[in-house]
Amino acid sequence: MASDEQGNEQGRGMSLAARLRAAVDQRIDASRREEEARRARLERARRARAELLRDLATFFRAFGHGKTSSTEDQVALRFEGRSLRFEAHGDADEVRVVGDGVPEGARLSRNEELGRWGLHMPGLAPRLLFDAGLEELIARAFELRPSAVPEPGLSTEVSAGREASNPAPGRRGRSL
């Protein structure tokens, strides 16, 4: 009788054990997929940040004035004794912006859904970097505004890096 009881005990709960094992296996698989997705997002963000820093270095070289320096993690421009620097910060989706006239806490972050970088500065609405943000940073850091292509009703005079008249309402660039 002892062997019969042993056999029954070995068979009892086997269905529950199998269901529990399947539930744990599903949890492990879900965690693995989530981790793989997180790593893929992080890698895409790192590549996007590296591309952004290369684009900024190319932009500064195209500007053709001042001294551009760049490494894998930062890009800087010095012009007329002033500077503007972009530094990789965090896991991969943020770039710190440091420079003359640039408020502390200025940063770039990437909106993965849009695939675009935005400028965030304390006290100002976020701006897309390559629409209005970069121009804002250049103006602040170097007290320099580009000459505008004449538009009807707009003055294009530039005086000491500052526009002589205000642009038409709503013409300051897109915000995020």
Protein backbone atom coordinates (compact mmCIF):
# COMPACT_ATOMS: atom_id res chain seq x y z
CA MET A 1 0.00 0.00 0.00
CA ALA A 2 2.89 2.33 0.60
CA SER A 3 3.95 2.20 -3.05
CA ASP A 4 0.41 2.97 -4.18
CA GLU A 5 0.27 6.04 -1.94
CA GLN A 6 3.67 7.17 -3.22
CA GLY A 7 2.53 6.90 -6.83
CA ASN A 8 -0.60 8.89 -6.14
CA GLU A 9 1.35 11.60 -4.35
CA GLN A 10 3.76 11.89 -7.26
CA GLY A 11 0.85 12.39 -9.63
CA ARG A 12 -1.08 14.84 -7.47
CA GLY A 13 -0.74 18.51 -8.41
CA MET A 14 1.10 17.79 -11.64
CA SER A 15 -1.49 19.75 -13.65
CA LEU A 16 -1.12 22.75 -11.34
CA ALA A 17 2.68 22.51 -11.50
CA ALA A 18 2.55 22.49 -15.31
CA ARG A 19 0.27 25.56 -15.39
CA LEU A 20 2.48 27.41 -12.92
CA ARG A 21 5.60 26.50 -14.90
CA ALA A 22 3.92 27.79 -18.10
CA ALA A 23 2.95 31.05 -16.36
CA VAL A 24 6.52 31.57 -15.12
CA ASP A 25 7.92 30.74 -18.56
CA GLN A 26 5.57 33.33 -20.11
CA ARG A 27 6.68 35.93 -17.56
CA ILE A 28 10.34 35.19 -18.28
CA ASP A 29 9.72 35.41 -22.05
CA ALA A 30 7.84 38.72 -21.64
CA SER A 31 10.67 40.15 -19.51
CA ARG A 32 13.23 39.03 -22.09
CA ARG A 33 11.22 40.66 -24.93
CA GLU A 34 10.84 43.88 -22.91
CA GLU A 35 14.58 43.95 -22.19
CA GLU A 36 15.38 43.33 -25.87
CA ALA A 37 13.00 46.15 -26.87
CA ARG A 38 14.58 48.47 -24.25
CA ARG A 39 18.07 47.68 -25.56
CA ALA A 40 16.93 48.29 -29.15
CA ARG A 41 15.39 51.68 -28.19
CA LEU A 42 18.57 52.61 -26.33
CA GLU A 43 20.73 51.65 -29.31
CA ARG A 44 18.50 53.67 -31.70
CA ALA A 45 18.74 56.64 -29.33
CA ARG A 46 22.55 56.34 -29.13
CA ARG A 47 22.82 56.22 -32.93
CA ALA A 48 20.47 59.22 -33.24
CA ARG A 49 22.52 61.20 -30.71
CA ALA A 50 25.78 60.33 -32.46
CA GLU A 51 24.23 61.44 -35.76
CA LEU A 52 23.02 64.68 -34.14
CA LEU A 53 26.51 65.49 -32.82
CA ARG A 54 27.99 64.79 -36.28
CA ASP A 55 25.34 67.03 -37.87
CA LEU A 56 26.12 69.83 -35.42
CA ALA A 57 29.85 69.51 -36.11
CA THR A 58 29.12 69.67 -39.85
CA PHE A 59 26.89 72.72 -39.30
CA PHE A 60 29.61 74.52 -37.31
CA ARG A 61 32.23 73.74 -39.97
CA ALA A 62 29.84 75.02 -42.66
CA PHE A 63 29.45 78.24 -40.66
CA GLY A 64 33.12 78.69 -41.47
CA HIS A 65 33.98 81.11 -38.67
CA GLY A 66 35.36 80.33 -35.28
CA LYS A 67 36.92 77.11 -34.11
CA THR A 68 35.00 73.85 -34.11
CA SER A 69 36.06 70.91 -32.00
CA SER A 70 34.32 67.60 -31.62
CA THR A 71 34.68 64.23 -29.99
CA GLU A 72 32.36 61.27 -29.89
CA ASP A 73 30.50 62.82 -26.93
CA GLN A 74 30.62 66.55 -27.55
CA VAL A 75 30.75 69.32 -30.14
CA ALA A 76 31.86 72.88 -29.47
CA LEU A 77 32.19 76.14 -31.36
CA ARG A 78 34.27 79.10 -30.21
CA PHE A 79 33.68 82.40 -31.97
CA GLU A 80 34.83 85.88 -30.97
CA GLY A 81 35.71 84.79 -27.43
CA ARG A 82 32.35 83.10 -26.83
CA SER A 83 31.42 79.44 -26.93
CA LEU A 84 28.58 77.01 -27.46
CA ARG A 85 28.94 73.34 -26.53
CA PHE A 86 26.71 70.27 -26.90
CA GLU A 87 27.54 67.37 -24.55
CA ALA A 88 26.11 63.85 -24.59
CA HIS A 89 24.28 63.28 -21.32
CA GLY A 90 22.46 60.31 -19.84
CA ASP A 91 21.62 57.02 -21.48
CA ALA A 92 21.32 58.33 -25.03
CA ASP A 93 18.34 60.55 -25.52
CA GLU A 94 19.63 63.80 -24.10
CA VAL A 95 22.29 66.39 -24.93
CA ARG A 96 23.27 69.13 -22.51
CA VAL A 97 23.73 72.61 -24.02
CA VAL A 98 26.29 74.91 -22.39
CA GLY A 99 27.44 78.29 -23.61
CA ASP A 100 27.64 82.00 -23.20
CA GLY A 101 24.14 83.44 -22.90
CA VAL A 102 22.58 79.97 -22.67
CA PRO A 103 20.63 79.42 -19.45
CA GLU A 104 21.66 76.62 -17.11
CA GLY A 105 19.55 73.54 -17.70
CA ALA A 106 19.30 73.99 -21.47
CA ARG A 107 19.14 70.63 -23.19
CA LEU A 108 18.20 68.79 -26.33
CA SER A 109 16.02 65.72 -26.20
CA ARG A 110 14.76 63.46 -28.93
CA ASN A 111 11.12 62.75 -29.58
CA GLU A 112 11.27 59.17 -30.83
CA GLU A 113 7.79 59.30 -32.38
CA LEU A 114 8.66 62.37 -34.46
CA GLY A 115 12.29 61.39 -34.95
CA ARG A 116 13.20 65.02 -34.21
CA TRP A 117 15.34 66.78 -31.62
CA GLY A 118 13.88 69.55 -29.49
CA LEU A 119 15.51 72.38 -27.57
CA HIS A 120 14.32 72.81 -24.00
CA MET A 121 15.36 75.94 -22.11
CA PRO A 122 14.02 77.07 -18.75
CA GLY A 123 11.27 79.64 -19.19
CA LEU A 124 10.74 79.05 -22.92
CA ALA A 125 8.44 76.75 -24.85
CA PRO A 126 10.25 73.78 -26.42
CA ARG A 127 11.36 74.29 -30.01
CA LEU A 128 12.40 71.92 -32.75
CA LEU A 129 16.17 72.15 -32.94
CA PHE A 130 16.57 72.56 -36.69
CA ASP A 131 13.52 74.83 -37.12
CA ALA A 132 14.07 77.58 -34.55
CA GLY A 133 16.07 76.09 -31.70
CA LEU A 134 19.54 76.22 -33.21
CA GLU A 135 19.02 79.78 -34.39
CA GLU A 136 17.96 80.73 -30.84
CA LEU A 137 21.10 79.14 -29.40
CA ILE A 138 23.38 80.87 -31.92
CA ALA A 139 21.70 84.21 -31.19
CA ARG A 140 22.13 83.77 -27.44
CA ALA A 141 25.66 82.35 -27.45
CA PHE A 142 27.19 84.62 -30.09
CA GLU A 143 24.77 87.56 -30.16
CA LEU A 144 24.38 86.88 -33.85
CA ARG A 145 21.24 86.61 -35.96
CA PRO A 146 21.34 85.66 -39.63
CA SER A 147 20.17 88.06 -42.29
CA ALA A 148 16.70 87.09 -43.33
CA VAL A 149 15.47 86.58 -46.86
CA PRO A 150 13.15 89.53 -47.46
CA GLU A 151 9.49 88.74 -46.98
CA PRO A 152 6.72 91.20 -47.72
CA GLY A 153 6.16 93.47 -44.74
CA LEU A 154 9.33 92.46 -42.89
CA SER A 155 12.43 94.54 -42.31
CA THR A 156 15.64 92.58 -42.83
CA GLU A 157 17.99 95.08 -41.23
CA VAL A 158 20.35 93.61 -38.69
CA SER A 159 22.09 95.78 -36.16
CA ALA A 160 24.84 94.43 -33.90
CA GLY A 161 23.36 90.98 -34.18
CA ARG A 162 19.87 92.10 -33.21
CA GLU A 163 16.96 92.57 -35.59
CA ALA A 164 15.95 96.18 -36.13
CA SER A 165 12.26 95.29 -36.18
CA ASN A 166 10.20 92.44 -34.87
CA PRO A 167 9.21 89.68 -37.25
CA ALA A 168 5.59 89.24 -38.15
CA PRO A 169 3.52 87.48 -35.48
CA GLY A 170 3.79 83.72 -35.60
CA ARG A 171 7.06 83.76 -37.57
CA ARG A 172 9.43 82.73 -34.76
CA GLY A 173 9.59 79.05 -35.76
CA ARG A 174 7.67 76.00 -34.74
CA SER A 175 7.50 74.79 -31.19
CA LEU A 176 7.11 71.21 -30.10
